[in-house]
PDB file of N, CA and C in Angstrom:
ATOM      1  N   MET A   1      70.263  87.892  85.374  1.00  0.00           N
ATOM      2  CA  MET A   1      71.273  87.912  84.478  1.00  0.00           C
ATOM      3  C   MET A   1      70.856  87.532  83.210  1.00  0.00           C
ATOM      4  N   SER A   2      71.179  87.961  81.990  1.00  0.00           N
ATOM      5  CA  SER A   2      70.543  87.442  80.930  1.00  0.00           C
ATOM      6  C   SER A   2      71.324  86.208  80.206  1.00  0.00           C
ATOM      7  N   GLU A   3      70.844  85.374  79.516  1.00  0.00           N
ATOM      8  CA  GLU A   3      71.102  84.228  78.903  1.00  0.00           C
ATOM      9  C   GLU A   3      72.686  84.494  78.217  1.00  0.00           C
ATOM     10  N   GLU A   4      72.754  85.397  77.719  1.00  0.00           N
ATOM     11  CA  GLU A   4      74.165  85.951  76.795  1.00  0.00           C
ATOM     12  C   GLU A   4      75.260  85.742  77.598  1.00  0.00           C
ATOM     13  N   ARG A   5      75.112  86.873  78.909  1.00  0.00           N
ATOM     14  CA  ARG A   5      76.041  87.043  79.730  1.00  0.00           C
ATOM     15  C   ARG A   5      76.256  85.653  80.705  1.00  0.00           C
ATOM     16  N   ARG A   6      75.120  84.833  80.784  1.00  0.00           N
ATOM     17  CA  ARG A   6      75.465  83.591  81.464  1.00  0.00           C
ATOM     18  C   ARG A   6      76.204  82.610  80.811  1.00  0.00           C
ATOM     19  N   HIS A   7      76.276  82.497  79.746  1.00  0.00           N
ATOM     20  CA  HIS A   7      76.738  81.794  78.808  1.00  0.00           C
ATOM     21  C   HIS A   7      78.311  82.174  77.849  1.00  0.00           C
ATOM     22  N   ARG A   8      78.544  83.353  78.481  1.00  0.00           N
ATOM     23  CA  ARG A   8      79.601  84.297  77.909  1.00  0.00           C
ATOM     24  C   ARG A   8      80.746  83.476  78.532  1.00  0.00           C
ATOM     25  N   HIS A   9      81.826  83.243  77.602  1.00  0.00           N
ATOM     26  CA  HIS A   9      83.254  82.963  78.232  1.00  0.00           C
ATOM     27  C   HIS A   9      84.288  83.942  77.895  1.00  0.00           C
ATOM     28  N   GLU A  10      85.214  83.906  78.657  1.00  0.00           N
ATOM     29  CA  GLU A  10      86.261  84.700  78.286  1.00  0.00           C
ATOM     30  C   GLU A  10      87.556  84.076  77.541  1.00  0.00           C
ATOM     31  N   SER A  11      87.867  84.733  76.547  1.00  0.00           N
ATOM     32  CA  SER A  11      88.947  83.983  75.979  1.00  0.00           C
ATOM     33  C   SER A  11      90.343  83.923  76.802  1.00  0.00           C
ATOM     34  N   PRO A  12      91.149  82.808  76.613  1.00  0.00           N
ATOM     35  CA  PRO A  12      92.284  82.693  77.209  1.00  0.00           C
ATOM     36  C   PRO A  12      93.167  84.030  77.308  1.00  0.00           C
ATOM     37  N   GLU A  13      93.347  84.853  76.283  1.00  0.00           N
ATOM     38  CA  GLU A  13      93.851  86.087  76.066  1.00  0.00           C
ATOM     39  C   GLU A  13      93.467  87.207  76.993  1.00  0.00           C
ATOM     40  N   ASP A  14      91.735  87.218  77.041  1.00  0.00           N
ATOM     41  CA  ASP A  14      91.439  88.208  78.051  1.00  0.00           C
ATOM     42  C   ASP A  14      91.676  87.785  79.374  1.00  0.00           C
ATOM     43  N   ILE A  15      91.482  86.441  79.947  1.00  0.00           N
ATOM     44  CA  ILE A  15      92.044  85.886  81.111  1.00  0.00           C
ATOM     45  C   ILE A  15      93.253  86.691  81.361  1.00  0.00           C
ATOM     46  N   ALA A  16      94.257  86.159  80.546  1.00  0.00           N
ATOM     47  CA  ALA A  16      95.769  86.411  80.844  1.00  0.00           C
ATOM     48  C   ALA A  16      95.617  87.994  80.898  1.00  0.00           C
ATOM     49  N   GLU A  17      95.072  88.829  80.384  1.00  0.00           N
ATOM     50  CA  GLU A  17      95.306  90.380  80.280  1.00  0.00           C
ATOM     51  C   GLU A  17      94.831  90.804  81.880  1.00  0.00           C
ATOM     52  N   ILE A  18      93.653  90.007  82.310  1.00  0.00           N
ATOM     53  CA  ILE A  18      93.029  90.589  83.511  1.00  0.00           C
ATOM     54  C   ILE A  18      93.842  90.159  84.556  1.00  0.00           C
ATOM     55  N   LEU A  19      94.609  88.945  84.365  1.00  0.00           N
ATOM     56  CA  LEU A  19      95.689  88.332  85.501  1.00  0.00           C
ATOM     57  C   LEU A  19      96.774  89.029  85.442  1.00  0.00           C
ATOM     58  N   SER A  20      97.232  89.684  84.201  1.00  0.00           N
ATOM     59  CA  SER A  20      98.301  90.528  84.182  1.00  0.00           C
ATOM     60  C   SER A  20      98.131  92.001  85.182  1.00  0.00           C
ATOM     61  N   VAL A  21      97.006  92.596  84.810  1.00  0.00           N
ATOM     62  CA  VAL A  21      96.604  93.672  85.474  1.00  0.00           C
ATOM     63  C   VAL A  21      96.497  93.595  86.970  1.00  0.00           C
ATOM     64  N   VAL A  22      95.900  92.591  87.284  1.00  0.00           N
ATOM     65  CA  VAL A  22      95.452  92.336  88.674  1.00  0.00           C
ATOM     66  C   VAL A  22      97.132  91.714  89.417  1.00  0.00           C
ATOM     67  N   SER A  23      97.973  91.453  88.602  1.00  0.00           N
ATOM     68  CA  SER A  23      99.229  91.107  89.450  1.00  0.00           C
ATOM     69  C   SER A  23     100.135  92.150  89.714  1.00  0.00           C
ATOM     70  N   ASP A  24      99.811  93.236  88.555  1.00  0.00           N
ATOM     71  CA  ASP A  24     100.507  94.471  88.592  1.00  0.00           C
ATOM     72  C   ASP A  24      99.935  95.599  89.614  1.00  0.00           C
ATOM     73  N   LYS A  25      98.586  95.491  89.874  1.00  0.00           N
ATOM     74  CA  LYS A  25      98.056  96.278  90.771  1.00  0.00           C
ATOM     75  C   LYS A  25      97.921  95.745  92.144  1.00  0.00           C
ATOM     76  N   VAL A  26      97.764  94.600  92.469  1.00  0.00           N
ATOM     77  CA  VAL A  26      97.557  94.149  93.764  1.00  0.00           C
ATOM     78  C   VAL A  26      98.860  94.349  94.589  1.00  0.00           C
ATOM     79  N   PRO A  27     100.018  94.243  94.438  1.00  0.00           N
ATOM     80  CA  PRO A  27     101.095  94.199  95.218  1.00  0.00           C
ATOM     81  C   PRO A  27     101.196  95.763  95.742  1.00  0.00           C
ATOM     82  N   SER A  28     100.735  96.842  94.985  1.00  0.00           N
ATOM     83  CA  SER A  28     101.049  98.177  95.362  1.00  0.00           C
ATOM     84  C   SER A  28      99.852  98.490  96.162  1.00  0.00           C
ATOM     85  N   LEU A  29      98.565  98.076  96.107  1.00  0.00           N
ATOM     86  CA  LEU A  29      97.638  97.951  96.910  1.00  0.00           C
ATOM     87  C   LEU A  29      97.778  97.706  98.172  1.00  0.00           C
ATOM     88  N   ILE A  30      98.593  96.343  98.443  1.00  0.00           N
ATOM     89  CA  ILE A  30      98.738  95.963  99.593  1.00  0.00           C
ATOM     90  C   ILE A  30      99.651  96.594 100.402  1.00  0.00           C
ATOM     91  N   LYS A  31     100.750  97.236  99.636  1.00  0.00           N
ATOM     92  CA  LYS A  31     101.641  97.849 100.392  1.00  0.00           C
ATOM     93  C   LYS A  31     101.267  99.201 100.804  1.00  0.00           C
ATOM     94  N   GLY A  32     100.497  99.743 100.088  1.00  0.00           N
ATOM     95  CA  GLY A  32      99.873 101.250 100.362  1.00  0.00           C
ATOM     96  C   GLY A  32      98.699 100.710 101.871  1.00  0.00           C
ATOM     97  N   LEU A  33      98.211  99.637 101.543  1.00  0.00           N
ATOM     98  CA  LEU A  33      97.376  99.257 102.819  1.00  0.00           C
ATOM     99  C   LEU A  33      98.128  99.292 104.316  1.00  0.00           C
ATOM    100  N   VAL A  34      99.232  98.424 103.872  1.00  0.00           N
ATOM    101  CA  VAL A  34     100.115  98.357 105.138  1.00  0.00           C
ATOM    102  C   VAL A  34     100.548  99.695 105.484  1.00  0.00           C
ATOM    103  N   SER A  35     101.019 100.574 104.910  1.00  0.00           N
ATOM    104  CA  SER A  35     101.768 101.749 105.099  1.00  0.00           C
ATOM    105  C   SER A  35     100.428 102.583 105.924  1.00  0.00           C
ATOM    106  N   ALA A  36      99.332 102.374 105.388  1.00  0.00           N
ATOM    107  CA  ALA A  36      98.401 103.404 105.855  1.00  0.00           C
ATOM    108  C   ALA A  36      97.966 102.537 107.396  1.00  0.00           C
ATOM    109  N   VAL A  37      98.129 101.384 107.693  1.00  0.00           N
ATOM    110  CA  VAL A  37      97.490 100.849 108.801  1.00  0.00           C
ATOM    111  C   VAL A  37      98.516 100.954 109.749  1.00  0.00           C
ATOM    112  N   PHE A  38      99.937 100.700 109.379  1.00  0.00           N
ATOM    113  CA  PHE A  38     100.795 100.521 110.424  1.00  0.00           C
ATOM    114  C   PHE A  38     101.632 101.771 110.518  1.00  0.00           C
ATOM    115  N   SER A  39     101.552 102.863 109.929  1.00  0.00           N
ATOM    116  CA  SER A  39     102.197 104.064 110.376  1.00  0.00           C
ATOM    117  C   SER A  39     102.153 104.649 111.775  1.00  0.00           C
ATOM    118  N   GLU A  40     103.001 105.500 111.807  1.00  0.00           N
ATOM    119  CA  GLU A  40     102.853 106.297 113.295  1.00  0.00           C
ATOM    120  C   GLU A  40     101.675 106.917 113.174  1.00  0.00           C
ATOM    121  N   GLU A  41     101.264 107.747 112.026  1.00  0.00           N
ATOM    122  CA  GLU A  41      99.876 108.451 112.172  1.00  0.00           C
ATOM    123  C   GLU A  41      98.665 107.615 112.511  1.00  0.00           C
ATOM    124  N   SER A  42      98.797 106.525 111.707  1.00  0.00           N
ATOM    125  CA  SER A  42      97.596 105.421 112.017  1.00  0.00           C
ATOM    126  C   SER A  42      97.569 105.213 113.579  1.00  0.00           C
ATOM    127  N   ALA A  43      98.866 104.913 114.377  1.00  0.00           N
ATOM    128  CA  ALA A  43      98.685 104.494 115.564  1.00  0.00           C
ATOM    129  C   ALA A  43      98.162 105.654 116.432  1.00  0.00           C
ATOM    130  N   ARG A  44      98.532 106.968 116.446  1.00  0.00           N
ATOM    131  CA  ARG A  44      97.893 108.107 116.947  1.00  0.00           C
ATOM    132  C   ARG A  44      96.424 108.021 116.480  1.00  0.00           C
ATOM    133  N   ASN A  45      96.121 107.968 115.544  1.00  0.00           N
ATOM    134  CA  ASN A  45      94.629 107.900 115.258  1.00  0.00           C
ATOM    135  C   ASN A  45      93.877 106.766 116.018  1.00  0.00           C
ATOM    136  N   MET A  46      94.654 105.460 115.808  1.00  0.00           N
ATOM    137  CA  MET A  46      93.815 104.525 116.277  1.00  0.00           C
ATOM    138  C   MET A  46      93.827 104.726 117.892  1.00  0.00           C
ATOM    139  N   ALA A  47      94.518 105.221 118.764  1.00  0.00           N
ATOM    140  CA  ALA A  47      94.798 105.382 120.177  1.00  0.00           C
ATOM    141  C   ALA A  47      93.743 106.587 120.379  1.00  0.00           C
ATOM    142  N   LYS A  48      93.439 107.715 119.769  1.00  0.00           N
ATOM    143  CA  LYS A  48      92.499 108.719 119.707  1.00  0.00           C
ATOM    144  C   LYS A  48      91.381 108.079 119.810  1.00  0.00           C
ATOM    145  N   ALA A  49      90.903 107.246 118.686  1.00  0.00           N
ATOM    146  CA  ALA A  49      89.698 106.770 118.424  1.00  0.00           C
ATOM    147  C   ALA A  49      89.435 105.590 119.689  1.00  0.00           C
ATOM    148  N   ALA A  50      90.389 104.900 120.011  1.00  0.00           N
ATOM    149  CA  ALA A  50      90.015 104.009 121.252  1.00  0.00           C
ATOM    150  C   ALA A  50      89.553 105.093 122.539  1.00  0.00           C
ATOM    151  N   ALA A  51      90.375 105.819 122.693  1.00  0.00           N
ATOM    152  CA  ALA A  51      90.159 106.530 124.030  1.00  0.00           C
ATOM    153  C   ALA A  51      88.690 107.202 123.726  1.00  0.00           C
ATOM    154  N   THR A  52      88.294 108.074 122.534  1.00  0.00           N
ATOM    155  CA  THR A  52      87.213 108.828 122.693  1.00  0.00           C
ATOM    156  C   THR A  52      86.052 107.482 122.767  1.00  0.00           C
ATOM    157  N   TYR A  53      86.203 106.396 122.301  1.00  0.00           N
ATOM    158  CA  TYR A  53      85.249 105.474 122.398  1.00  0.00           C
ATOM    159  C   TYR A  53      84.763 104.990 123.811  1.00  0.00           C
ATOM    160  N   TYR A  54      86.194 104.993 124.324  1.00  0.00           N
ATOM    161  CA  TYR A  54      85.858 104.419 125.982  1.00  0.00           C
ATOM    162  C   TYR A  54      85.219 105.805 126.706  1.00  0.00           C
ATOM    163  N   LYS A  55      85.529 106.908 126.627  1.00  0.00           N
ATOM    164  CA  LYS A  55      85.055 107.989 126.887  1.00  0.00           C
ATOM    165  C   LYS A  55      83.443 108.307 126.669  1.00  0.00           C
ATOM    166  N   GLU A  56      83.388 108.001 125.708  1.00  0.00           N
ATOM    167  CA  GLU A  56      81.830 108.059 125.349  1.00  0.00           C
ATOM    168  C   GLU A  56      80.923 107.084 125.877  1.00  0.00           C
ATOM    169  N   LEU A  57      81.384 105.947 126.009  1.00  0.00           N
ATOM    170  CA  LEU A  57      80.660 104.636 126.883  1.00  0.00           C
ATOM    171  C   LEU A  57      80.515 105.225 128.329  1.00  0.00           C
ATOM    172  N   LYS A  58      81.720 105.533 128.824  1.00  0.00           N
ATOM    173  CA  LYS A  58      81.494 106.082 129.969  1.00  0.00           C
ATOM    174  C   LYS A  58      80.534 107.207 130.614  1.00  0.00           C
ATOM    175  N   THR A  59      80.879 108.537 129.603  1.00  0.00           N
ATOM    176  CA  THR A  59      79.622 109.262 129.676  1.00  0.00           C
ATOM    177  C   THR A  59      78.188 108.884 129.479  1.00  0.00           C
ATOM    178  N   GLY A  60      78.104 107.744 128.749  1.00  0.00           N
ATOM    179  CA  GLY A  60      76.897 107.208 128.340  1.00  0.00           C
ATOM    180  C   GLY A  60      76.300 106.263 129.614  1.00  0.00           C
ATOM    181  N   GLY A  61      77.123 106.109 130.549  1.00  0.00           N
ATOM    182  CA  GLY A  61      76.854 105.385 131.850  1.00  0.00           C
ATOM    183  C   GLY A  61      77.138 103.930 131.877  1.00  0.00           C
ATOM    184  N   VAL A  62      77.872 103.608 131.114  1.00  0.00           N
ATOM    185  CA  VAL A  62      78.597 102.045 130.776  1.00  0.00           C
ATOM    186  C   VAL A  62      79.445 102.022 131.854  1.00  0.00           C
ATOM    187  N   PRO A  63      79.319 101.022 132.992  1.00  0.00           N
ATOM    188  CA  PRO A  63      80.257 100.655 133.833  1.00  0.00           C
ATOM    189  C   PRO A  63      81.704 100.285 133.388  1.00  0.00           C
ATOM    190  N   ASP A  64      82.471 100.726 134.464  1.00  0.00           N
ATOM    191  CA  ASP A  64      83.877 100.510 133.960  1.00  0.00           C
ATOM    192  C   ASP A  64      84.419  99.232 133.108  1.00  0.00           C
ATOM    193  N   ASP A  65      84.254  98.204 133.825  1.00  0.00           N
ATOM    194  CA  ASP A  65      84.383  96.860 133.342  1.00  0.00           C
ATOM    195  C   ASP A  65      84.125  96.475 132.271  1.00  0.00           C
ATOM    196  N   ILE A  66      82.763  97.096 131.582  1.00  0.00           N
ATOM    197  CA  ILE A  66      82.087  96.465 130.423  1.00  0.00           C
ATOM    198  C   ILE A  66      82.612  97.949 129.484  1.00  0.00           C
ATOM    199  N   ALA A  67      82.884  98.629 129.886  1.00  0.00           N
ATOM    200  CA  ALA A  67      83.319 100.055 129.066  1.00  0.00           C
ATOM    201  C   ALA A  67      84.970  99.395 128.421  1.00  0.00           C
ATOM    202  N   LEU A  68      85.414  98.964 129.435  1.00  0.00           N
ATOM    203  CA  LEU A  68      87.049  98.541 128.938  1.00  0.00           C
ATOM    204  C   LEU A  68      87.135  97.077 128.129  1.00  0.00           C
ATOM    205  N   LYS A  69      85.817  96.304 128.455  1.00  0.00           N
ATOM    206  CA  LYS A  69      86.016  95.089 127.506  1.00  0.00           C
ATOM    207  C   LYS A  69      85.394  95.650 126.090  1.00  0.00           C
ATOM    208  N   MET A  70      84.514  96.630 126.059  1.00  0.00           N
ATOM    209  CA  MET A  70      84.094  97.085 124.899  1.00  0.00           C
ATOM    210  C   MET A  70      85.062  97.434 123.829  1.00  0.00           C
ATOM    211  N   THR A  71      85.974  98.560 124.751  1.00  0.00           N
ATOM    212  CA  THR A  71      86.964  98.962 123.863  1.00  0.00           C
ATOM    213  C   THR A  71      87.960  98.064 123.662  1.00  0.00           C
ATOM    214  N   GLN A  72      88.290  97.200 124.409  1.00  0.00           N
ATOM    215  CA  GLN A  72      89.223  96.191 123.850  1.00  0.00           C
ATOM    216  C   GLN A  72      88.812  95.263 122.602  1.00  0.00           C
ATOM    217  N   ASP A  73      87.597  95.111 122.658  1.00  0.00           N
ATOM    218  CA  ASP A  73      87.008  94.428 121.273  1.00  0.00           C
ATOM    219  C   ASP A  73      86.890  95.236 120.151  1.00  0.00           C
ATOM    220  N   TYR A  74      86.746  96.610 120.551  1.00  0.00           N
ATOM    221  CA  TYR A  74      86.486  97.830 119.293  1.00  0.00           C
ATOM    222  C   TYR A  74      88.145  97.711 118.618  1.00  0.00           C
ATOM    223  N   VAL A  75      89.178  97.766 119.620  1.00  0.00           N
ATOM    224  CA  VAL A  75      90.875  97.790 119.074  1.00  0.00           C
ATOM    225  C   VAL A  75      90.953  96.418 118.400  1.00  0.00           C
ATOM    226  N   SER A  76      90.436  95.314 119.017  1.00  0.00           N
ATOM    227  CA  SER A  76      90.927  94.020 118.570  1.00  0.00           C
ATOM    228  C   SER A  76      90.381  94.080 117.082  1.00  0.00           C
ATOM    229  N   ALA A  77      89.066  94.525 116.612  1.00  0.00           N
ATOM    230  CA  ALA A  77      88.451  94.328 115.405  1.00  0.00           C
ATOM    231  C   ALA A  77      89.682  94.989 114.359  1.00  0.00           C
ATOM    232  N   PHE A  78      90.202  96.414 114.633  1.00  0.00           N
ATOM    233  CA  PHE A  78      91.204  96.864 113.851  1.00  0.00           C
ATOM    234  C   PHE A  78      92.558  95.837 113.897  1.00  0.00           C
ATOM    235  N   THR A  79      92.958  95.203 114.850  1.00  0.00           N
ATOM    236  CA  THR A  79      93.931  94.461 114.996  1.00  0.00           C
ATOM    237  C   THR A  79      93.836  93.421 114.019  1.00  0.00           C
ATOM    238  N   LYS A  80      92.812  92.595 114.127  1.00  0.00           N
ATOM    239  CA  LYS A  80      92.611  91.553 113.156  1.00  0.00           C
ATOM    240  C   LYS A  80      92.539  92.067 111.570  1.00  0.00           C
ATOM    241  N   ILE A  81      92.097  93.194 111.324  1.00  0.00           N
ATOM    242  CA  ILE A  81      92.268  93.918 109.867  1.00  0.00           C
ATOM    243  C   ILE A  81      93.330  93.869 109.700  1.00  0.00           C
ATOM    244  N   GLY A  82      94.385  94.524 110.583  1.00  0.00           N
ATOM    245  CA  GLY A  82      95.813  94.375 110.556  1.00  0.00           C
ATOM    246  C   GLY A  82      96.493  92.946 110.082  1.00  0.00           C
ATOM    247  N   ASP A  83      95.933  92.151 110.668  1.00  0.00           N
ATOM    248  CA  ASP A  83      96.613  90.575 110.825  1.00  0.00           C
ATOM    249  C   ASP A  83      96.121  90.433 109.138  1.00  0.00           C
ATOM    250  N   VAL A  84      95.095  90.495 108.971  1.00  0.00           N
ATOM    251  CA  VAL A  84      94.792  90.021 107.290  1.00  0.00           C
ATOM    252  C   VAL A  84      95.816  90.711 106.392  1.00  0.00           C
ATOM    253  N   ILE A  85      96.142  92.210 106.672  1.00  0.00           N
ATOM    254  CA  ILE A  85      96.821  92.694 105.679  1.00  0.00           C
ATOM    255  C   ILE A  85      98.244  92.153 105.649  1.00  0.00           C
ATOM    256  N   LYS A  86      98.628  91.923 106.947  1.00  0.00           N
ATOM    257  CA  LYS A  86      99.955  91.509 107.043  1.00  0.00           C
ATOM    258  C   LYS A  86     100.255  90.152 106.348  1.00  0.00           C
ATOM    259  N   ALA A  87      99.157  89.265 106.626  1.00  0.00           N
ATOM    260  CA  ALA A  87      99.198  87.963 105.867  1.00  0.00           C
ATOM    261  C   ALA A  87      99.048  88.101 104.204  1.00  0.00           C
ATOM    262  N   ALA A  88      98.194  89.054 104.170  1.00  0.00           N
ATOM    263  CA  ALA A  88      98.257  89.168 102.409  1.00  0.00           C
ATOM    264  C   ALA A  88      99.679  89.476 102.065  1.00  0.00           C
ATOM    265  N   ARG A  89     100.266  90.400 102.845  1.00  0.00           N
ATOM    266  CA  ARG A  89     101.274  91.110 102.273  1.00  0.00           C
ATOM    267  C   ARG A  89     102.615  89.975 102.099  1.00  0.00           C
ATOM    268  N   LYS A  90     102.557  88.984 103.376  1.00  0.00           N
ATOM    269  CA  LYS A  90     103.748  87.905 103.238  1.00  0.00           C
ATOM    270  C   LYS A  90     103.217  86.957 102.154  1.00  0.00           C
ATOM    271  N   SER A  91     102.129  86.847 101.845  1.00  0.00           N
ATOM    272  CA  SER A  91     101.524  85.967 100.955  1.00  0.00           C
ATOM    273  C   SER A  91     102.154  86.542  99.369  1.00  0.00           C
ATOM    274  N   GLN A  92     102.097  87.811  99.316  1.00  0.00           N
ATOM    275  CA  GLN A  92     102.426  88.530  98.128  1.00  0.00           C
ATOM    276  C   GLN A  92     104.107  88.738  97.913  1.00  0.00           C
ATOM    277  N   GLU A  93     104.847  88.728  99.122  1.00  0.00           N
ATOM    278  CA  GLU A  93     106.128  88.697  99.113  1.00  0.00           C
ATOM    279  C   GLU A  93     106.741  87.578  98.580  1.00  0.00           C
ATOM    280  N   GLY A  94     105.988  86.241  98.979  1.00  0.00           N
ATOM    281  CA  GLY A  94     106.129  85.040  98.766  1.00  0.00           C
ATOM    282  C   GLY A  94     106.145  84.695  97.268  1.00  0.00           C
ATOM    283  N   ASN A  95     105.353  85.549  96.609  1.00  0.00           N
ATOM    284  CA  ASN A  95     104.901  85.098  95.277  1.00  0.00           C
ATOM    285  C   ASN A  95     106.107  85.898  94.207  1.00  0.00           C
ATOM    286  N   GLU A  96     106.721  87.015  94.828  1.00  0.00           N
ATOM    287  CA  GLU A  96     107.709  87.553  94.158  1.00  0.00           C
ATOM    288  C   GLU A  96     108.641  87.005  93.606  1.00  0.00           C
TER     289      GLU A  96
END
């Protein structure tokens, strides 16, 4: 990082403009993510992905109990992402 960049300070006006743009864009981004993650189509795709994942594990010779646990963990990762998005949405709604 150059010396000039390291010591550069944004003016209060620049910061206000940045925050204005962020506050304008972030709510619509969150709403878009929520609708993408929690739609019917998304649910169908998740179910298909989980079924395919399980089937591939079984085809690869993974025992039933391990394949089931791995599939549960796979789905859980998406659930956790959904929880983060829901929390962000609730936080955003509280700020409106």
